[in-house]
Protein backbone atom coordinates (compact mmCIF):
# COMPACT_ATOMS: atom_id res chain seq x y z
CA MET A 1 0.04 -0.07 0.14
CA SER A 2 1.40 3.23 -1.20
CA VAL A 3 1.48 6.35 1.48
CA THR A 4 0.81 9.75 -0.35
CA THR A 5 3.45 12.50 0.64
CA TYR A 6 1.65 15.75 1.64
CA VAL A 7 2.93 19.40 1.27
CA PRO A 8 1.44 21.76 4.08
CA PHE A 9 -0.63 24.39 2.85
CA GLY A 10 1.42 26.74 4.49
CA LEU A 11 4.11 26.60 2.15
CA SER A 12 2.50 28.24 -0.50
CA ASP A 13 -0.10 30.41 1.49
CA PRO A 14 1.70 32.18 4.43
CA GLY A 15 -1.74 32.69 5.83
CA LYS A 16 -2.44 29.22 6.57
CA ARG A 17 0.82 28.56 8.64
CA THR A 18 -1.35 29.79 11.65
CA ILE A 19 -4.17 27.69 12.85
CA ARG A 20 -6.59 28.54 16.10
CA ASN A 21 -8.31 26.35 18.67
CA PRO A 22 -11.31 27.69 20.27
CA ILE A 23 -11.30 25.00 22.92
CA PHE A 24 -7.56 25.20 23.90
CA GLN A 25 -7.90 28.82 23.48
CA ASP A 26 -4.52 29.21 21.53
CA GLU A 27 -3.12 29.98 18.38
CA VAL A 28 -0.19 28.10 16.48
CA GLU A 29 1.99 29.59 13.78
CA PHE A 30 4.00 27.23 12.04
CA LEU A 31 7.55 28.73 11.90
CA GLU A 32 9.53 25.97 10.27
CA TYR A 33 7.86 22.81 8.78
CA ALA A 34 9.91 19.43 8.67
CA ASN A 35 10.42 19.65 5.04
CA GLU A 36 11.81 23.11 5.25
CA THR A 37 14.51 21.90 7.60
CA GLY A 38 15.70 18.81 5.89
CA GLY A 39 14.02 16.69 8.83
CA LYS A 40 16.03 18.13 11.54
CA TYR A 41 13.18 19.91 13.74
CA CYS A 42 10.08 21.50 13.24
CA LYS A 43 9.15 24.73 15.14
CA ALA A 44 5.82 26.74 15.92
CA ARG A 45 4.89 29.67 17.91
CA VAL A 46 1.99 29.40 20.31
CA THR A 47 -0.17 32.01 21.64
CA LEU A 48 -1.79 30.51 24.70
CA ARG A 49 -4.97 32.41 26.38
CA SER A 50 -5.52 32.33 30.09
CA GLY A 51 -6.57 29.08 31.17
CA GLY A 52 -5.62 27.21 28.23
CA GLY A 53 -3.54 24.16 28.18
CA ASN A 54 -3.33 20.43 27.12
CA PRO A 55 -3.70 17.23 28.98
CA LEU A 56 -0.80 14.83 30.11
CA HIS A 57 0.98 12.81 27.40
CA TYR A 58 4.15 11.42 26.06
CA HIS A 59 5.97 10.96 23.01
CA THR A 60 8.26 7.99 21.86
CA ALA A 61 9.82 9.14 18.75
CA TYR A 62 11.17 12.98 19.40
CA VAL A 63 12.26 15.38 21.99
CA GLU A 64 9.81 18.41 22.60
CA THR A 65 11.02 21.82 23.65
CA PHE A 66 9.35 24.59 24.98
CA GLU A 67 10.77 28.13 25.20
CA CYS A 68 8.62 30.96 26.82
CA GLU A 69 8.77 34.33 24.98
CA LYS A 70 6.02 36.34 26.65
CA GLY A 71 4.39 35.93 29.95
CA VAL A 72 4.58 32.98 32.23
CA LEU A 73 4.30 29.38 30.55
CA GLY A 74 3.43 26.53 32.91
CA VAL A 75 4.89 22.93 31.99
CA GLU A 76 4.07 19.85 34.07
CA HIS A 77 7.13 17.40 33.61
CA ASN A 78 7.45 13.90 35.16
CA GLY A 79 5.47 15.24 38.24
CA GLU A 80 7.25 18.52 38.83
CA THR A 81 5.62 21.84 37.85
CA LYS A 82 7.43 24.64 36.26
CA HIS A 83 6.83 28.23 35.66
CA LEU A 84 9.12 29.33 32.79
CA GLU A 85 9.45 33.30 32.17
CA ALA A 86 10.87 34.70 29.33
CA GLY A 87 13.86 33.27 27.95
CA GLU A 88 13.55 30.14 29.75
CA LYS A 89 12.94 26.65 28.34
CA VAL A 90 12.73 23.07 29.01
CA ASP A 91 13.33 20.00 27.05
CA VAL A 92 11.09 17.03 27.08
CA GLN A 93 12.43 13.97 26.56
CA ILE A 94 11.26 10.72 24.97
CA GLY A 95 8.86 9.00 27.28
CA ASN A 96 8.66 11.76 29.74
CA LEU A 97 5.14 12.50 30.79
CA HIS A 98 4.16 16.29 30.45
CA ARG A 99 1.58 19.05 29.44
CA PHE A 100 1.61 22.76 28.97
CA PHE A 101 -0.71 25.23 30.22
CA ASN A 102 -1.05 29.13 31.21
CA PRO A 103 -1.32 29.55 34.81
CA SER A 104 -2.48 33.56 34.36
CA GLU A 105 -6.04 34.20 35.03
CA THR A 106 -5.75 37.27 32.96
CA GLU A 107 -2.53 37.45 30.68
CA THR A 108 -1.61 35.53 27.60
CA VAL A 109 1.51 33.72 27.26
CA ILE A 110 3.47 33.24 23.85
CA PHE A 111 6.16 30.32 23.67
CA LEU A 112 8.04 28.38 21.19
CA CYS A 113 7.29 24.54 20.66
CA SER A 114 9.97 22.58 18.82
CA VAL A 115 10.14 19.01 18.03
CA THR A 116 13.50 17.35 17.44
CA PRO A 117 14.01 15.46 14.94
CA ALA A 118 11.17 16.59 12.81
CA ASP A 119 8.03 14.75 12.76
CA ASP A 120 5.35 15.89 10.25
CA GLY A 121 2.88 13.65 12.09
CA TRP A 122 3.22 16.28 14.91
CA GLU A 123 2.56 19.09 12.33
CA LYS A 124 -0.44 16.68 10.93
CA LEU A 125 -2.23 16.01 14.25
CA LEU A 126 -2.05 19.96 15.28
CA HIS A 127 -3.59 20.98 11.94
CA ILE A 128 -6.42 18.14 12.08
CA VAL A 129 -7.19 18.58 15.81
CA TYR A 130 -7.64 22.58 15.21
CA GLY A 131 -9.71 21.99 12.32
CA PHE A 132 -11.76 19.26 14.12
CA ALA A 133 -12.42 21.79 16.89
CA ARG A 134 -13.41 24.76 14.43
CA ASP A 135 -15.67 22.10 12.93
CA GLY A 136 -17.44 21.24 16.21
CA LEU A 137 -16.31 17.89 16.18
CA VAL A 138 -14.58 17.59 19.49
CA ASP A 139 -15.79 17.59 23.08
CA LYS A 140 -15.67 20.05 25.83
CA GLU A 141 -11.89 19.13 26.43
CA GLY A 142 -10.94 19.57 23.09
CA VAL A 143 -10.65 15.81 22.29
CA PRO A 144 -11.94 14.30 19.10
CA ALA A 145 -15.58 13.20 19.66
CA ASN A 146 -15.11 10.00 17.34
CA LEU A 147 -13.04 7.57 18.83
CA TYR A 148 -11.91 6.24 15.42
CA HIS A 149 -10.38 9.45 14.63
CA LEU A 150 -8.90 9.90 18.23
CA LEU A 151 -7.15 6.76 17.91
CA TYR A 152 -5.82 7.55 14.17
CA LEU A 153 -4.51 10.86 15.55
CA MET A 154 -2.84 9.42 18.46
CA LYS A 155 -0.77 7.12 16.24
CA LEU A 156 -0.37 9.83 13.61
CA GLY A 157 1.09 12.36 16.00
CA ASP A 158 3.12 9.88 18.40
CA THR A 159 0.89 11.24 21.11
CA ASN A 160 0.25 8.67 23.92
CA LEU A 161 -1.82 9.04 27.29
CA PRO A 162 -0.91 7.54 30.51
CA GLY A 163 -2.51 4.68 32.15
CA ILE A 164 -2.90 0.98 31.35
CA GLY A 165 -6.17 1.70 29.69
CA MET A 166 -4.56 4.02 27.43
CA TRP A 167 -1.92 1.26 26.70
CA PHE A 168 -4.58 -1.02 25.31
CA LEU A 169 -5.95 2.13 23.21
CA ALA A 170 -2.27 2.67 21.96
CA GLN A 171 -2.27 -0.78 20.32
CA ALA A 172 -5.83 -0.34 18.94
CA ALA A 173 -4.42 3.01 17.37
CA VAL A 174 -2.05 0.97 15.55
CA LEU A 175 -4.60 -0.90 13.71
CA VAL A 176 -7.03 2.13 13.12
CA HIS A 177 -4.08 4.07 11.63
CA TRP A 178 -3.53 1.15 9.06
CA HIS A 179 -7.16 1.35 8.33
CA ALA A 180 -7.24 5.06 7.87
CA ARG A 181 -4.53 4.58 5.14
CA TRP A 182 -6.22 1.66 3.73
CA SER A 183 -9.73 3.07 3.50
CA GLY A 184 -8.69 6.37 2.39
CA GLU A 185 -9.93 8.24 5.37
CA GLU A 186 -6.30 9.71 6.16
CA ASP A 187 -6.05 11.00 2.63
CA ARG A 188 -9.36 12.55 3.25
CA LEU A 189 -8.45 14.29 6.64
CA LEU A 190 -5.04 15.34 4.97
CA ARG A 191 -6.53 16.83 2.14
CA LYS A 192 -9.06 18.84 4.10
CA TYR A 193 -6.98 19.89 6.93
CA TYR A 194 -3.38 20.00 6.11
CA GLY A 195 -1.97 19.93 2.47
CA THR A 196 -1.96 18.70 -0.84
CA PRO A 197 -0.31 15.79 -2.46
CA ALA A 198 3.37 16.58 -3.28
CA THR A 199 4.44 16.71 -7.04
CA GLU A 200 7.51 15.14 -8.35
CA ASP A 201 9.19 18.51 -8.32
CA ASP A 202 8.26 18.58 -4.54
CA LYS A 203 9.81 15.33 -3.68
CA LYS A 204 12.80 16.08 -5.35
CA LYS A 205 13.51 19.15 -3.09
């Protein structure tokens, strides 16, 4: 089964480098996509409103770095909570439980988030989840309401939730990810929310 390579909409349309999530109350601007850095890393700037944040999770394929640019960024990392001020950063290693949040009740925080090595699945995950949020396809916590899509996205973006029950879901996610590719659902989601199929010229770059 062949897998189609996709080029992010943002490469040809700068206006589509920024996505917004009305549930998480944040905005993500993709500064460097994976295919702009030769796969070394990908980086985004996140604007997070007061009270915004995401649930605890971990990754198995990449290191995630958070660097505060403005305000105070809360990062829970392996049971320890840090409050980063402008210029401070933390590297979350593979397998480490973590989440980010805005501890302020009134102020917005702006921070950089980078993934090393680059993982276009991380980029695709964000584009699709934020697209779902805009289209009303998530619950009040911002989680995809459709279990099939949730499992597919967990595998796509290498995002894993803690707990023995979540471990079993991760195993199911592998099968769902395969089925999404086989059935064409993956292509449908990527074409709608992420980008366009790469041309032969794109593949040579």
